[in-house]
Amino acid sequence: MNDLVKNKEKDKLAKDDRLEVNNMELRFGGVTALSRLSYDIGQSQITAIIGPNGAGKTSNLNCINGFYQPQRGEISFNDKKINGLPPYKIAQLGISRTFQNMQLYTGLSTVDNLMAARHIHLRPKLLASCLYYGWGRNKEIKHREIVEEIIDFLEMEPIRHKIVGSLPYGERKRVDLGRALALEPRLLLLDEPMAGMNVEEKEDMARFIIDINELRKIPIVLVEHDMGVVMDICDKVIVLDFGVKVAEGSPEEIKTNPDVIRVYLGDEG
């Protein structure tokens, strides 16, 4: 009964998770990277942000997690304004992400990389940590259990003790995703998680993304260039062109949208 109550409460929390972007503008000198961008991300959605190179997709993610500060507009998560907050504060609110260029600890093992990502949940007491007993020991056991669950979830058992720098590219991408999950996110931002992967690796990554969304009830914002993947796994698609939103809708709506066709294929004649 207690587990049932906990699960219901967890689902209730998940339903409240919402990201809202209102009239966001980002400029670099005379260059406008994002212009009056507005959208919202709801619970249990996988939302793709697509567009040509230079459309502002990664800049959008950088604004959400505090790496860039937009000059105008507001970004809110669960009705709390987050633009203006430093990245670590935004991470503490439950927004986690992966990057195009992975920033892993290449000299450490998979387990150690995931444990390092637990840092925002670690509040060690000096004496207990030094002596490693009681409260300090129990806390580390709990964190290691969470890491082991992620390793099992992402099928990383064969590489759990391997040095990350020696792993193939696709497996390092999986470690990067696992590290984002180790923060216990309530919103997950994925910046080109399948870039550079072969077909089999992409299929595995797509399966993990769907499982994260469906089983863990985590809304996901996905930047991806593979339109086959986007149309297969996403609930909503937002299309950017030179920082402007040109379309938003379901994959089926986006496929036939004339503005989207123009962005990708150019004007006829």
Protein backbone atom coordinates (compact mmCIF):
# COMPACT_ATOMS: atom_id res chain seq x y z
CA MET A 1 0.00 0.00 0.00
CA ASN A 2 2.82 2.41 0.86
CA ASP A 3 4.49 1.78 -2.51
CA LEU A 4 1.18 2.40 -4.27
CA VAL A 5 0.75 5.73 -2.49
CA LYS A 6 4.33 6.73 -3.31
CA ASN A 7 3.82 5.87 -6.99
CA LYS A 8 0.60 7.88 -7.14
CA GLU A 9 2.32 10.86 -5.53
CA LYS A 10 5.21 10.54 -7.95
CA ASP A 11 2.79 10.52 -10.89
CA LYS A 12 1.02 13.58 -9.47
CA LEU A 13 4.33 15.45 -9.27
CA ALA A 14 5.19 14.44 -12.81
CA LYS A 15 1.88 15.81 -14.12
CA ASP A 16 2.75 19.22 -12.70
CA ASP A 17 6.07 19.45 -14.53
CA ARG A 18 5.84 22.09 -17.25
CA LEU A 19 8.34 24.27 -19.06
CA GLU A 20 7.06 27.53 -20.55
CA VAL A 21 9.04 29.81 -22.85
CA ASN A 22 7.44 33.19 -23.56
CA ASN A 23 8.72 35.71 -26.14
CA MET A 24 12.36 34.75 -25.62
CA GLU A 25 14.93 36.84 -27.47
CA LEU A 26 18.66 36.16 -27.57
CA ARG A 27 21.17 38.37 -29.34
CA PHE A 28 24.92 38.26 -29.83
CA GLY A 29 25.86 41.83 -30.77
CA GLY A 30 23.97 42.56 -33.96
CA VAL A 31 23.05 38.91 -34.57
CA THR A 32 19.66 37.70 -33.34
CA ALA A 33 19.91 34.01 -32.43
CA LEU A 34 16.34 33.67 -31.10
CA SER A 35 13.43 35.98 -31.82
CA ARG A 36 10.17 36.07 -29.82
CA LEU A 37 10.28 32.33 -29.25
CA SER A 38 7.32 30.90 -27.33
CA TYR A 39 6.28 27.31 -26.59
CA ASP A 40 5.49 25.00 -23.69
CA ILE A 41 6.49 21.46 -22.80
CA GLY A 42 4.04 19.32 -20.87
CA GLN A 43 4.24 16.10 -18.91
CA SER A 44 4.90 12.84 -20.76
CA GLN A 45 5.83 14.54 -24.01
CA ILE A 46 8.86 14.04 -26.20
CA THR A 47 9.24 17.34 -28.02
CA ALA A 48 11.69 17.74 -30.88
CA ILE A 49 13.34 21.04 -31.77
CA ILE A 50 14.39 20.86 -35.42
CA GLY A 51 15.69 23.20 -38.08
CA PRO A 52 18.70 23.80 -40.36
CA ASN A 53 22.16 24.45 -38.99
CA GLY A 54 22.27 27.84 -37.30
CA ALA A 55 18.53 27.88 -36.61
CA GLY A 56 19.05 28.45 -32.86
CA LYS A 57 18.30 24.96 -31.54
CA THR A 58 21.26 24.63 -29.18
CA SER A 59 21.04 28.31 -28.20
CA ASN A 60 17.49 27.57 -27.08
CA LEU A 61 18.69 24.75 -24.82
CA ASN A 62 21.52 26.91 -23.50
CA CYS A 63 18.98 29.54 -22.43
CA ILE A 64 16.83 26.96 -20.65
CA ASN A 65 19.65 25.62 -18.51
CA GLY A 66 21.27 28.97 -17.82
CA PHE A 67 24.38 28.94 -20.03
CA TYR A 68 22.98 31.88 -21.98
CA GLN A 69 20.83 34.67 -20.58
CA PRO A 70 18.19 35.95 -23.04
CA GLN A 71 17.80 39.71 -23.32
CA ARG A 72 14.01 39.47 -23.40
CA GLY A 73 11.21 37.11 -22.45
CA GLU A 74 10.69 34.66 -19.66
CA ILE A 75 11.45 30.98 -19.11
CA SER A 76 9.54 29.29 -16.31
CA PHE A 77 9.58 25.76 -14.94
CA ASN A 78 6.60 24.74 -12.83
CA ASP A 79 5.57 28.41 -12.59
CA LYS A 80 9.00 29.47 -11.31
CA LYS A 81 10.98 31.92 -13.43
CA ILE A 82 14.38 30.39 -14.17
CA ASN A 83 16.06 32.78 -16.61
CA GLY A 84 18.61 34.70 -14.61
CA LEU A 85 19.43 31.70 -12.42
CA PRO A 86 22.91 30.12 -12.66
CA PRO A 87 23.10 26.66 -14.26
CA TYR A 88 23.62 24.79 -10.96
CA LYS A 89 20.42 26.30 -9.52
CA ILE A 90 18.50 25.21 -12.60
CA ALA A 91 19.95 21.70 -12.27
CA GLN A 92 18.80 21.61 -8.64
CA LEU A 93 15.25 22.36 -9.84
CA GLY A 94 15.40 19.17 -11.89
CA ILE A 95 16.47 20.25 -15.39
CA SER A 96 19.25 18.06 -16.75
CA ARG A 97 20.86 17.85 -20.19
CA THR A 98 23.34 16.22 -22.50
CA PHE A 99 25.59 18.11 -24.93
CA GLN A 100 26.64 17.75 -28.55
CA ASN A 101 30.25 17.49 -27.42
CA MET A 102 30.36 15.10 -24.50
CA GLN A 103 32.17 16.42 -21.43
CA LEU A 104 32.82 13.12 -19.65
CA TYR A 105 35.60 12.32 -17.19
CA THR A 106 37.54 10.24 -19.70
CA GLY A 107 40.04 8.98 -17.12
CA LEU A 108 37.33 7.56 -14.83
CA SER A 109 35.14 4.48 -15.11
CA THR A 110 31.47 4.46 -16.10
CA VAL A 111 30.44 4.01 -12.45
CA ASP A 112 32.60 6.90 -11.31
CA ASN A 113 31.21 9.18 -14.04
CA LEU A 114 27.67 8.45 -12.90
CA MET A 115 28.59 8.92 -9.23
CA ALA A 116 30.14 12.28 -10.08
CA ALA A 117 26.80 13.35 -11.53
CA ARG A 118 25.16 12.76 -8.13
CA HIS A 119 26.98 15.80 -6.73
CA ILE A 120 23.89 18.02 -6.41
CA HIS A 121 22.31 15.36 -4.17
CA LEU A 122 25.39 14.92 -1.98
CA ARG A 123 25.39 16.96 1.22
CA PRO A 124 28.13 15.27 3.18
CA LYS A 125 28.76 15.80 6.87
CA LEU A 126 32.51 16.04 7.33
CA LEU A 127 32.94 13.70 10.30
CA ALA A 128 30.57 11.01 8.99
CA SER A 129 32.24 11.12 5.58
CA CYS A 130 35.76 10.92 6.99
CA LEU A 131 34.98 8.00 9.30
CA TYR A 132 32.62 6.38 6.76
CA TYR A 133 30.05 5.01 9.19
CA GLY A 134 26.41 5.52 10.00
CA TRP A 135 24.83 8.41 8.08
CA GLY A 136 27.76 8.89 5.68
CA ARG A 137 27.96 5.22 4.77
CA ASN A 138 24.21 4.87 4.32
CA LYS A 139 24.05 7.90 2.04
CA GLU A 140 26.80 6.55 -0.23
CA ILE A 141 25.06 3.17 -0.40
CA LYS A 142 21.85 4.90 -1.48
CA HIS A 143 23.64 6.88 -4.21
CA ARG A 144 25.40 3.77 -5.47
CA GLU A 145 22.08 1.91 -5.63
CA ILE A 146 20.67 4.68 -7.84
CA VAL A 147 23.73 4.51 -10.10
CA GLU A 148 23.44 0.72 -10.37
CA GLU A 149 19.77 1.10 -11.35
CA ILE A 150 20.76 3.47 -14.16
CA ILE A 151 23.47 1.07 -15.34
CA ASP A 152 20.89 -1.72 -15.48
CA PHE A 153 18.29 0.53 -17.16
CA LEU A 154 20.69 1.60 -19.93
CA GLU A 155 22.21 -1.89 -20.27
CA MET A 156 25.72 -0.74 -19.36
CA GLU A 157 26.71 -3.68 -17.16
CA PRO A 158 29.54 -4.82 -19.51
CA ILE A 159 31.17 -1.37 -19.36
CA ARG A 160 30.47 -0.44 -15.73
CA HIS A 161 34.15 -0.64 -14.69
CA LYS A 162 35.72 0.34 -18.01
CA ILE A 163 37.54 3.66 -18.41
CA VAL A 164 35.21 5.94 -20.35
CA GLY A 165 37.98 7.32 -22.59
CA SER A 166 38.57 3.80 -23.96
CA LEU A 167 34.92 3.20 -24.92
CA PRO A 168 33.53 3.41 -28.46
CA TYR A 169 31.65 6.59 -29.34
CA GLY A 170 28.18 5.06 -29.06
CA GLU A 171 28.83 3.70 -25.59
CA ARG A 172 30.19 7.05 -24.42
CA LYS A 173 26.94 8.64 -25.62
CA ARG A 174 25.10 6.14 -23.42
CA VAL A 175 27.26 7.08 -20.42
CA ASP A 176 26.47 10.73 -21.13
CA LEU A 177 22.73 9.95 -21.04
CA GLY A 178 23.19 7.96 -17.84
CA ARG A 179 24.97 10.88 -16.22
CA ALA A 180 22.04 13.16 -17.08
CA LEU A 181 19.67 10.63 -15.48
CA ALA A 182 21.83 10.49 -12.35
CA LEU A 183 20.72 14.03 -11.54
CA GLU A 184 17.15 12.66 -11.15
CA PRO A 185 15.71 15.10 -13.69
CA ARG A 186 12.13 16.29 -13.94
CA LEU A 187 12.90 17.65 -17.42
CA LEU A 188 15.56 16.21 -19.73
CA LEU A 189 17.23 18.21 -22.52
CA LEU A 190 19.02 16.12 -25.15
CA ASP A 191 21.22 17.90 -27.67
CA GLU A 192 21.75 15.62 -30.67
CA PRO A 193 21.97 12.40 -28.62
CA MET A 194 22.26 10.26 -31.78
CA ALA A 195 24.78 12.31 -33.75
CA GLY A 196 27.55 10.16 -35.18
CA MET A 197 25.87 6.85 -34.32
CA ASN A 198 25.30 3.88 -36.62
CA VAL A 199 21.80 2.47 -37.23
CA GLU A 200 21.94 -0.09 -34.40
CA GLU A 201 23.19 2.47 -31.88
CA LYS A 202 20.44 4.90 -32.92
CA GLU A 203 17.80 2.22 -32.43
CA ASP A 204 19.09 1.52 -28.91
CA MET A 205 19.20 5.21 -28.02
CA ALA A 206 15.67 5.77 -29.37
CA ARG A 207 14.44 2.88 -27.24
CA PHE A 208 16.08 4.32 -24.12
CA ILE A 209 14.58 7.76 -24.76
CA ILE A 210 11.09 6.29 -25.14
CA ASP A 211 11.54 4.22 -21.95
CA ILE A 212 12.74 7.26 -19.98
CA ASN A 213 9.67 9.17 -21.09
CA GLU A 214 7.10 6.41 -20.64
CA LEU A 215 8.42 4.55 -17.60
CA ARG A 216 9.91 7.45 -15.65
CA LYS A 217 7.36 10.05 -16.80
CA ILE A 218 10.10 12.56 -17.65
CA PRO A 219 9.29 15.16 -20.32
CA ILE A 220 12.05 15.40 -22.91
CA VAL A 221 13.20 18.16 -25.25
CA LEU A 222 15.18 16.65 -28.10
CA VAL A 223 17.36 18.42 -30.67
CA GLU A 224 17.92 15.99 -33.52
CA HIS A 225 18.74 16.09 -37.25
CA ASP A 226 17.55 12.56 -38.07
CA MET A 227 14.00 13.20 -39.26
CA GLY A 228 13.16 9.51 -39.27
CA VAL A 229 13.88 9.33 -35.53
CA VAL A 230 11.99 12.58 -34.86
CA MET A 231 8.87 11.43 -36.68
CA ASP A 232 8.95 8.00 -35.03
CA ILE A 233 9.40 8.87 -31.36
CA CYS A 234 8.24 12.46 -30.80
CA ASP A 235 4.81 13.67 -29.70
CA LYS A 236 5.37 17.28 -30.78
CA VAL A 237 7.78 19.02 -33.15
CA ILE A 238 8.88 22.67 -33.08
CA VAL A 239 10.62 24.01 -36.18
CA LEU A 240 13.07 26.93 -35.99
CA ASP A 241 14.60 28.93 -38.83
CA PHE A 242 17.08 31.73 -38.11
CA GLY A 243 15.85 31.83 -34.50
CA VAL A 244 12.16 32.18 -35.43
CA LYS A 245 9.53 29.52 -34.79
CA VAL A 246 7.96 28.70 -38.15
CA ALA A 247 5.81 25.74 -37.11
CA GLU A 248 4.67 23.67 -34.13
CA GLY A 249 2.52 20.56 -34.12
CA SER A 250 2.37 16.79 -34.28
CA PRO A 251 4.81 14.93 -36.57
CA GLU A 252 2.01 14.36 -39.07
CA GLU A 253 1.17 18.07 -39.16
CA ILE A 254 4.81 19.05 -39.53
CA LYS A 255 5.37 16.67 -42.46
CA THR A 256 2.87 18.52 -44.62
CA ASN A 257 3.40 22.07 -43.36
CA PRO A 258 4.37 24.29 -46.33
CA ASP A 259 6.54 26.56 -44.16
CA VAL A 260 8.55 23.56 -42.98
CA ILE A 261 8.95 22.30 -46.54
CA ARG A 262 10.18 25.75 -47.55
CA VAL A 263 12.72 25.84 -44.69
CA TYR A 264 14.21 22.49 -45.65
CA LEU A 265 13.87 22.55 -49.43
CA GLY A 266 13.90 26.29 -50.22
CA ASP A 267 11.48 28.28 -52.34
CA GLU A 268 10.66 26.87 -55.74
CA GLY A 269 11.74 28.72 -58.81
